[in-house]
Amino acid sequence: MSAASAAERDVMLRLENVHTFYGSIEALKGISLDVREGEIVTLIGANGAGKSTTLRSINGLNQPRDGSIVFRGKDISRTPPHDVVAMGISQSPEGRRLFPHMSVLENLEMGAFQRKDRSGIREDLDRVYGLFPRMAERKHQRAGTLSGGEQQMCAIGRALMARPQLLMLDEPSMGLAPIFVEKIFEIIGEINEQGTTILLVEQNALMALDAAQRGYVLETGRVALADDAKSLRENEQVRKTYLGEE
């Protein structure tokens, strides 16, 4: 088998010419990208470039008007969000969106609400506590009283409780102190090493490209650049626009 056909076989998620609208406003103008088994792929770009809308198109919250989204060979372009989760895609949303009055444990259990396999849920809870020991320490604490970094850990843990094949992370470092940013990215690497494929939307382009194998640069609803992460890091346009280098 050629390298090209092997890579093709490993494609987990593919978007082809996706057009997504908010009312009459076209937010995605023909996005095409793919995510292969076992990768971390990142989407970078300015605010309003279409990064979060791409995730919303995949998870069913904002279904595309045109184009196709195929996950493991099945078209999910018109699939409702709860079915997308059941198929193996879960997301840690921008702004974390925890249930503030519920405990850490209750928030984590919400991530597994569609599952019936009690022993599997227990295993995944242990996995989350292994990745985030602080969540084990704070499991009975109300989520709204956690620090920003702890809330981010809880949000990622909740997404993992769905036992996803593809984990989508929307701005995991937003608003966090630098020490927490490093920790979160360390854990993202660990989750990936444990076998979970990751699609990462992140404003901190440098951290994102360090973590990922491949990346897409979005500009006003289009893919402006697509390459392996190392090449994007060395790309002069990317360095000036997104990495803050002169």
C-alpha atoms as a PDB file:
ATOM      1  CA  MET A   1       0.000   0.000   0.000  1.00  0.00           C
ATOM      2  CA  SER A   2       1.346   3.447  -0.912  1.00  0.00           C
ATOM      3  CA  ALA A   3       1.935   6.054   1.797  1.00  0.00           C
ATOM      4  CA  ALA A   4      -0.863   8.165   0.308  1.00  0.00           C
ATOM      5  CA  SER A   5      -3.436   5.362   0.429  1.00  0.00           C
ATOM      6  CA  ALA A   6      -2.315   4.395   3.963  1.00  0.00           C
ATOM      7  CA  ALA A   7      -2.853   7.999   5.093  1.00  0.00           C
ATOM      8  CA  GLU A   8      -6.244   7.982   3.337  1.00  0.00           C
ATOM      9  CA  ARG A   9      -7.245   4.821   5.197  1.00  0.00           C
ATOM     10  CA  ASP A  10      -6.333   6.451   8.516  1.00  0.00           C
ATOM     11  CA  VAL A  11      -8.571   9.513   8.010  1.00  0.00           C
ATOM     12  CA  MET A  12     -10.990   9.635  10.959  1.00  0.00           C
ATOM     13  CA  LEU A  13     -12.731  12.912  10.127  1.00  0.00           C
ATOM     14  CA  ARG A  14     -13.034  14.757   6.845  1.00  0.00           C
ATOM     15  CA  LEU A  15     -14.693  18.072   6.030  1.00  0.00           C
ATOM     16  CA  GLU A  16     -15.187  18.824   2.345  1.00  0.00           C
ATOM     17  CA  ASN A  17     -16.209  22.248   1.075  1.00  0.00           C
ATOM     18  CA  VAL A  18     -18.242  23.035   4.207  1.00  0.00           C
ATOM     19  CA  HIS A  19     -20.362  26.210   4.140  1.00  0.00           C
ATOM     20  CA  THR A  20     -21.965  27.157   7.470  1.00  0.00           C
ATOM     21  CA  PHE A  21     -24.196  30.175   8.068  1.00  0.00           C
ATOM     22  CA  TYR A  22     -25.480  32.215  11.003  1.00  0.00           C
ATOM     23  CA  GLY A  23     -28.724  33.445   9.472  1.00  0.00           C
ATOM     24  CA  SER A  24     -27.664  35.154   6.243  1.00  0.00           C
ATOM     25  CA  ILE A  25     -24.017  35.508   7.318  1.00  0.00           C
ATOM     26  CA  GLU A  26     -21.675  32.917   5.805  1.00  0.00           C
ATOM     27  CA  ALA A  27     -19.223  31.999   8.576  1.00  0.00           C
ATOM     28  CA  LEU A  28     -17.493  29.086   6.806  1.00  0.00           C
ATOM     29  CA  LYS A  29     -16.857  29.571   3.097  1.00  0.00           C
ATOM     30  CA  GLY A  30     -15.878  26.142   1.849  1.00  0.00           C
ATOM     31  CA  ILE A  31     -13.680  24.643   4.591  1.00  0.00           C
ATOM     32  CA  SER A  32     -11.921  21.372   3.753  1.00  0.00           C
ATOM     33  CA  LEU A  33      -9.728  19.541   6.266  1.00  0.00           C
ATOM     34  CA  ASP A  34      -9.045  16.109   7.655  1.00  0.00           C
ATOM     35  CA  VAL A  35      -7.963  14.553  10.929  1.00  0.00           C
ATOM     36  CA  ARG A  36      -6.179  11.206  10.929  1.00  0.00           C
ATOM     37  CA  GLU A  37      -6.267   8.503  13.554  1.00  0.00           C
ATOM     38  CA  GLY A  38      -4.003   9.275  16.523  1.00  0.00           C
ATOM     39  CA  GLU A  39      -3.125  12.850  15.532  1.00  0.00           C
ATOM     40  CA  ILE A  40      -3.348  16.186  17.242  1.00  0.00           C
ATOM     41  CA  VAL A  41      -4.508  18.638  14.568  1.00  0.00           C
ATOM     42  CA  THR A  42      -4.810  22.333  15.395  1.00  0.00           C
ATOM     43  CA  LEU A  43      -6.867  25.152  13.904  1.00  0.00           C
ATOM     44  CA  ILE A  44      -5.323  28.586  14.398  1.00  0.00           C
ATOM     45  CA  GLY A  45      -6.439  32.015  13.266  1.00  0.00           C
ATOM     46  CA  ALA A  46      -7.692  35.380  14.479  1.00  0.00           C
ATOM     47  CA  ASN A  47     -10.996  35.931  16.277  1.00  0.00           C
ATOM     48  CA  GLY A  48     -13.846  35.502  13.809  1.00  0.00           C
ATOM     49  CA  ALA A  49     -11.790  33.308  11.458  1.00  0.00           C
ATOM     50  CA  GLY A  50     -14.259  30.415  11.816  1.00  0.00           C
ATOM     51  CA  LYS A  51     -12.423  28.109  14.223  1.00  0.00           C
ATOM     52  CA  SER A  52     -15.247  27.614  16.746  1.00  0.00           C
ATOM     53  CA  THR A  53     -17.828  27.503  13.941  1.00  0.00           C
ATOM     54  CA  THR A  54     -15.881  24.609  12.422  1.00  0.00           C
ATOM     55  CA  LEU A  55     -16.235  22.698  15.707  1.00  0.00           C
ATOM     56  CA  ARG A  56     -19.935  23.620  15.931  1.00  0.00           C
ATOM     57  CA  SER A  57     -20.425  22.303  12.399  1.00  0.00           C
ATOM     58  CA  ILE A  58     -18.801  18.998  13.358  1.00  0.00           C
ATOM     59  CA  ASN A  59     -20.657  18.549  16.657  1.00  0.00           C
ATOM     60  CA  GLY A  60     -24.063  19.218  15.090  1.00  0.00           C
ATOM     61  CA  LEU A  61     -24.830  22.482  16.909  1.00  0.00           C
ATOM     62  CA  ASN A  62     -24.612  24.479  13.677  1.00  0.00           C
ATOM     63  CA  GLN A  63     -25.134  22.152  10.749  1.00  0.00           C
ATOM     64  CA  PRO A  64     -23.598  23.177   7.418  1.00  0.00           C
ATOM     65  CA  ARG A  65     -25.779  24.343   4.551  1.00  0.00           C
ATOM     66  CA  ASP A  66     -23.446  22.817   1.961  1.00  0.00           C
ATOM     67  CA  GLY A  67     -20.549  20.373   1.898  1.00  0.00           C
ATOM     68  CA  SER A  68     -19.998  17.169   3.840  1.00  0.00           C
ATOM     69  CA  ILE A  69     -18.630  16.102   7.219  1.00  0.00           C
ATOM     70  CA  VAL A  70     -17.644  12.430   7.316  1.00  0.00           C
ATOM     71  CA  PHE A  71     -16.622  10.644  10.523  1.00  0.00           C
ATOM     72  CA  ARG A  72     -15.284   7.091  10.206  1.00  0.00           C
ATOM     73  CA  GLY A  73     -16.856   6.748   6.760  1.00  0.00           C
ATOM     74  CA  LYS A  74     -20.317   7.994   7.817  1.00  0.00           C
ATOM     75  CA  ASP A  75     -21.747  11.360   6.772  1.00  0.00           C
ATOM     76  CA  ILE A  76     -22.664  13.248   9.960  1.00  0.00           C
ATOM     77  CA  SER A  77     -23.474  16.618   8.338  1.00  0.00           C
ATOM     78  CA  ARG A  78     -27.129  16.409   9.475  1.00  0.00           C
ATOM     79  CA  THR A  79     -26.629  14.405  12.671  1.00  0.00           C
ATOM     80  CA  PRO A  80     -28.082  15.839  15.933  1.00  0.00           C
ATOM     81  CA  PRO A  81     -25.511  16.730  18.638  1.00  0.00           C
ATOM     82  CA  HIS A  82     -26.430  13.914  21.062  1.00  0.00           C
ATOM     83  CA  ASP A  83     -25.971  11.351  18.274  1.00  0.00           C
ATOM     84  CA  VAL A  84     -22.597  12.887  17.355  1.00  0.00           C
ATOM     85  CA  VAL A  85     -21.475  12.321  20.978  1.00  0.00           C
ATOM     86  CA  ALA A  86     -22.790   8.741  20.914  1.00  0.00           C
ATOM     87  CA  MET A  87     -20.788   8.100  17.715  1.00  0.00           C
ATOM     88  CA  GLY A  88     -17.525   9.068  19.452  1.00  0.00           C
ATOM     89  CA  ILE A  89     -16.968  12.842  19.182  1.00  0.00           C
ATOM     90  CA  SER A  90     -17.009  14.997  22.317  1.00  0.00           C
ATOM     91  CA  GLN A  91     -15.988  18.569  22.999  1.00  0.00           C
ATOM     92  CA  SER A  92     -14.637  20.693  25.804  1.00  0.00           C
ATOM     93  CA  PRO A  93     -16.254  24.030  24.882  1.00  0.00           C
ATOM     94  CA  GLU A  94     -14.828  27.532  24.869  1.00  0.00           C
ATOM     95  CA  GLY A  95     -15.465  29.143  28.256  1.00  0.00           C
ATOM     96  CA  ARG A  96     -15.710  25.674  29.881  1.00  0.00           C
ATOM     97  CA  ARG A  97     -19.523  25.803  30.428  1.00  0.00           C
ATOM     98  CA  LEU A  98     -19.558  23.777  33.629  1.00  0.00           C
ATOM     99  CA  PHE A  99     -22.636  23.405  35.814  1.00  0.00           C
ATOM    100  CA  PRO A 100     -21.431  25.778  38.563  1.00  0.00           C
ATOM    101  CA  HIS A 101     -23.774  24.628  41.348  1.00  0.00           C
ATOM    102  CA  MET A 102     -23.017  20.947  40.797  1.00  0.00           C
ATOM    103  CA  SER A 103     -19.993  19.186  42.265  1.00  0.00           C
ATOM    104  CA  VAL A 104     -16.921  18.265  40.243  1.00  0.00           C
ATOM    105  CA  LEU A 105     -18.003  14.606  40.349  1.00  0.00           C
ATOM    106  CA  GLU A 106     -21.529  15.455  39.148  1.00  0.00           C
ATOM    107  CA  ASN A 107     -20.082  17.510  36.272  1.00  0.00           C
ATOM    108  CA  LEU A 108     -17.843  14.590  35.280  1.00  0.00           C
ATOM    109  CA  GLU A 109     -20.779  12.179  35.460  1.00  0.00           C
ATOM    110  CA  MET A 110     -22.740  14.464  33.105  1.00  0.00           C
ATOM    111  CA  GLY A 111     -20.115  13.670  30.464  1.00  0.00           C
ATOM    112  CA  ALA A 112     -21.166  10.003  30.631  1.00  0.00           C
ATOM    113  CA  PHE A 113     -24.932  10.611  30.701  1.00  0.00           C
ATOM    114  CA  GLN A 114     -25.557   8.616  27.488  1.00  0.00           C
ATOM    115  CA  ARG A 115     -23.576   5.607  28.692  1.00  0.00           C
ATOM    116  CA  LYS A 116     -24.946   2.545  30.479  1.00  0.00           C
ATOM    117  CA  ASP A 117     -21.679   0.630  31.093  1.00  0.00           C
ATOM    118  CA  ARG A 118     -21.164   1.269  34.805  1.00  0.00           C
ATOM    119  CA  SER A 119     -17.793  -0.481  35.048  1.00  0.00           C
ATOM    120  CA  GLY A 120     -16.515   1.444  32.000  1.00  0.00           C
ATOM    121  CA  ILE A 121     -17.683   4.722  33.528  1.00  0.00           C
ATOM    122  CA  ARG A 122     -15.825   3.887  36.748  1.00  0.00           C
ATOM    123  CA  GLU A 123     -12.662   3.111  34.710  1.00  0.00           C
ATOM    124  CA  ASP A 124     -12.931   6.431  32.884  1.00  0.00           C
ATOM    125  CA  LEU A 125     -13.484   8.313  36.136  1.00  0.00           C
ATOM    126  CA  ASP A 126     -10.271   6.735  37.437  1.00  0.00           C
ATOM    127  CA  ARG A 127      -8.539   7.753  34.191  1.00  0.00           C
ATOM    128  CA  VAL A 128      -9.710  11.370  34.604  1.00  0.00           C
ATOM    129  CA  TYR A 129      -8.538  11.415  38.233  1.00  0.00           C
ATOM    130  CA  GLY A 130      -5.199   9.984  37.079  1.00  0.00           C
ATOM    131  CA  LEU A 131      -4.803  12.781  34.514  1.00  0.00           C
ATOM    132  CA  PHE A 132      -6.132  15.457  36.885  1.00  0.00           C
ATOM    133  CA  PRO A 133      -5.342  14.475  40.506  1.00  0.00           C
ATOM    134  CA  ARG A 134      -6.753  17.825  41.615  1.00  0.00           C
ATOM    135  CA  MET A 135     -10.207  16.738  40.409  1.00  0.00           C
ATOM    136  CA  ALA A 136     -10.049  13.743  42.747  1.00  0.00           C
ATOM    137  CA  GLU A 137      -9.158  16.059  45.637  1.00  0.00           C
ATOM    138  CA  ARG A 138     -11.997  18.441  44.777  1.00  0.00           C
ATOM    139  CA  LYS A 139     -14.642  15.939  43.621  1.00  0.00           C
ATOM    140  CA  HIS A 140     -17.247  17.093  46.176  1.00  0.00           C
ATOM    141  CA  GLN A 141     -16.525  20.807  45.674  1.00  0.00           C
ATOM    142  CA  ARG A 142     -18.939  22.918  43.613  1.00  0.00           C
ATOM    143  CA  ALA A 143     -17.499  23.474  40.140  1.00  0.00           C
ATOM    144  CA  GLY A 144     -18.247  27.202  40.257  1.00  0.00           C
ATOM    145  CA  THR A 145     -15.815  27.648  43.165  1.00  0.00           C
ATOM    146  CA  LEU A 146     -12.816  26.157  41.307  1.00  0.00           C
ATOM    147  CA  SER A 147     -10.018  28.308  39.866  1.00  0.00           C
ATOM    148  CA  GLY A 148      -9.983  28.903  36.114  1.00  0.00           C
ATOM    149  CA  GLY A 149      -7.333  26.236  35.546  1.00  0.00           C
ATOM    150  CA  GLU A 150      -9.220  23.703  37.661  1.00  0.00           C
ATOM    151  CA  GLN A 151     -12.438  24.444  35.777  1.00  0.00           C
ATOM    152  CA  GLN A 152     -10.614  23.786  32.503  1.00  0.00           C
ATOM    153  CA  MET A 153      -9.403  20.445  33.858  1.00  0.00           C
ATOM    154  CA  CYS A 154     -12.971  19.598  34.868  1.00  0.00           C
ATOM    155  CA  ALA A 155     -14.309  20.548  31.407  1.00  0.00           C
ATOM    156  CA  ILE A 156     -11.735  18.366  29.624  1.00  0.00           C
ATOM    157  CA  GLY A 157     -12.408  15.561  32.114  1.00  0.00           C
ATOM    158  CA  ARG A 158     -16.148  15.809  31.447  1.00  0.00           C
ATOM    159  CA  ALA A 159     -15.548  15.523  27.672  1.00  0.00           C
ATOM    160  CA  LEU A 160     -13.353  12.450  28.260  1.00  0.00           C
ATOM    161  CA  MET A 161     -16.141  10.772  30.247  1.00  0.00           C
ATOM    162  CA  ALA A 162     -17.999  10.246  26.957  1.00  0.00           C
ATOM    163  CA  ARG A 163     -15.052   8.007  25.978  1.00  0.00           C
ATOM    164  CA  PRO A 164     -14.508   9.855  22.686  1.00  0.00           C
ATOM    165  CA  GLN A 165     -12.519   8.600  19.712  1.00  0.00           C
ATOM    166  CA  LEU A 166     -12.147  12.267  18.716  1.00  0.00           C
ATOM    167  CA  LEU A 167     -11.792  14.935  21.415  1.00  0.00           C
ATOM    168  CA  MET A 168     -12.374  18.529  20.308  1.00  0.00           C
ATOM    169  CA  LEU A 169     -10.876  21.243  22.505  1.00  0.00           C
ATOM    170  CA  ASP A 170     -12.015  24.846  22.030  1.00  0.00           C
ATOM    171  CA  GLU A 171      -9.553  27.404  23.464  1.00  0.00           C
ATOM    172  CA  PRO A 172      -8.325  25.285  26.415  1.00  0.00           C
ATOM    173  CA  SER A 173      -5.748  27.910  27.505  1.00  0.00           C
ATOM    174  CA  MET A 174      -8.075  30.925  27.396  1.00  0.00           C
ATOM    175  CA  GLY A 175      -7.794  33.111  30.501  1.00  0.00           C
ATOM    176  CA  LEU A 176      -5.398  30.797  32.313  1.00  0.00           C
ATOM    177  CA  ALA A 177      -2.198  31.684  34.169  1.00  0.00           C
ATOM    178  CA  PRO A 178       0.962  30.580  32.256  1.00  0.00           C
ATOM    179  CA  ILE A 179       1.683  27.759  34.737  1.00  0.00           C
ATOM    180  CA  PHE A 180      -1.779  26.286  34.081  1.00  0.00           C
ATOM    181  CA  VAL A 181      -1.392  26.691  30.310  1.00  0.00           C
ATOM    182  CA  GLU A 182       1.748  24.541  30.384  1.00  0.00           C
ATOM    183  CA  LYS A 183       0.044  21.953  32.566  1.00  0.00           C
ATOM    184  CA  ILE A 184      -3.047  21.777  30.324  1.00  0.00           C
ATOM    185  CA  PHE A 185      -0.898  21.271  27.215  1.00  0.00           C
ATOM    186  CA  GLU A 186       1.134  18.606  28.994  1.00  0.00           C
ATOM    187  CA  ILE A 187      -2.100  16.744  29.750  1.00  0.00           C
ATOM    188  CA  ILE A 188      -3.383  17.201  26.159  1.00  0.00           C
ATOM    189  CA  GLY A 189      -0.205  15.393  25.024  1.00  0.00           C
ATOM    190  CA  GLU A 190      -0.814  12.646  27.567  1.00  0.00           C
ATOM    191  CA  ILE A 191      -4.463  12.165  26.470  1.00  0.00           C
ATOM    192  CA  ASN A 192      -3.249  11.834  22.883  1.00  0.00           C
ATOM    193  CA  GLU A 193      -0.558   9.313  23.878  1.00  0.00           C
ATOM    194  CA  GLN A 194      -3.282   7.251  25.567  1.00  0.00           C
ATOM    195  CA  GLY A 195      -4.907   6.873  22.151  1.00  0.00           C
ATOM    196  CA  THR A 196      -7.391   9.745  21.777  1.00  0.00           C
ATOM    197  CA  THR A 197      -7.291  11.744  18.534  1.00  0.00           C
ATOM    198  CA  ILE A 198      -7.542  15.505  19.164  1.00  0.00           C
ATOM    199  CA  LEU A 199      -8.787  18.485  17.156  1.00  0.00           C
ATOM    200  CA  LEU A 200      -7.546  21.610  18.929  1.00  0.00           C
ATOM    201  CA  VAL A 201      -8.732  25.203  18.479  1.00  0.00           C
ATOM    202  CA  GLU A 202      -6.308  27.517  20.232  1.00  0.00           C
ATOM    203  CA  GLN A 203      -5.419  31.236  20.177  1.00  0.00           C
ATOM    204  CA  ASN A 204      -1.974  30.513  21.615  1.00  0.00           C
ATOM    205  CA  ALA A 205      -0.603  29.506  18.216  1.00  0.00           C
ATOM    206  CA  LEU A 206       2.893  28.751  19.497  1.00  0.00           C
ATOM    207  CA  MET A 207       1.677  26.238  22.112  1.00  0.00           C
ATOM    208  CA  ALA A 208      -0.787  24.746  19.634  1.00  0.00           C
ATOM    209  CA  LEU A 209       1.826  24.185  16.929  1.00  0.00           C
ATOM    210  CA  ASP A 210       4.237  22.728  19.487  1.00  0.00           C
ATOM    211  CA  ALA A 211       1.576  20.211  20.575  1.00  0.00           C
ATOM    212  CA  ALA A 212       0.177  19.293  17.150  1.00  0.00           C
ATOM    213  CA  GLN A 213       1.434  17.205  14.249  1.00  0.00           C
ATOM    214  CA  ARG A 214      -0.462  19.225  11.631  1.00  0.00           C
ATOM    215  CA  GLY A 215      -2.271  22.529  11.473  1.00  0.00           C
ATOM    216  CA  TYR A 216      -4.698  24.622   9.461  1.00  0.00           C
ATOM    217  CA  VAL A 217      -4.646  28.427   9.444  1.00  0.00           C
ATOM    218  CA  LEU A 218      -8.147  29.866   9.058  1.00  0.00           C
ATOM    219  CA  GLU A 219      -8.828  33.360   7.749  1.00  0.00           C
ATOM    220  CA  THR A 220     -12.378  34.735   7.416  1.00  0.00           C
ATOM    221  CA  GLY A 221     -14.002  31.334   6.994  1.00  0.00           C
ATOM    222  CA  ARG A 222     -11.437  29.830   4.628  1.00  0.00           C
ATOM    223  CA  VAL A 223      -8.344  27.656   4.996  1.00  0.00           C
ATOM    224  CA  ALA A 224      -5.455  30.006   4.194  1.00  0.00           C
ATOM    225  CA  LEU A 225      -2.655  27.513   4.934  1.00  0.00           C
ATOM    226  CA  ALA A 226      -2.416  23.811   5.727  1.00  0.00           C
ATOM    227  CA  ASP A 227       0.832  22.030   6.585  1.00  0.00           C
ATOM    228  CA  ASP A 228       2.617  19.991   9.205  1.00  0.00           C
ATOM    229  CA  ALA A 229       3.012  21.929  12.443  1.00  0.00           C
ATOM    230  CA  LYS A 230       6.795  22.308  12.162  1.00  0.00           C
ATOM    231  CA  SER A 231       6.514  23.890   8.698  1.00  0.00           C
ATOM    232  CA  LEU A 232       3.780  26.251   9.887  1.00  0.00           C
ATOM    233  CA  ARG A 233       5.977  27.316  12.810  1.00  0.00           C
ATOM    234  CA  GLU A 234       8.735  28.174  10.349  1.00  0.00           C
ATOM    235  CA  ASN A 235       6.397  29.916   7.888  1.00  0.00           C
ATOM    236  CA  GLU A 236       7.227  33.623   7.769  1.00  0.00           C
ATOM    237  CA  GLN A 237       3.605  34.731   7.391  1.00  0.00           C
ATOM    238  CA  VAL A 238       2.513  32.591  10.363  1.00  0.00           C
ATOM    239  CA  ARG A 239       5.425  33.817  12.492  1.00  0.00           C
ATOM    240  CA  LYS A 240       4.560  37.463  11.858  1.00  0.00           C
ATOM    241  CA  THR A 241       0.759  37.186  12.096  1.00  0.00           C
ATOM    242  CA  TYR A 242       0.213  34.578  14.795  1.00  0.00           C
ATOM    243  CA  LEU A 243       3.455  34.114  16.707  1.00  0.00           C
ATOM    244  CA  GLY A 244       4.107  37.819  17.274  1.00  0.00           C
ATOM    245  CA  GLU A 245       7.537  37.776  15.668  1.00  0.00           C
ATOM    246  CA  GLU A 246       8.896  40.721  13.706  1.00  0.00           C
END
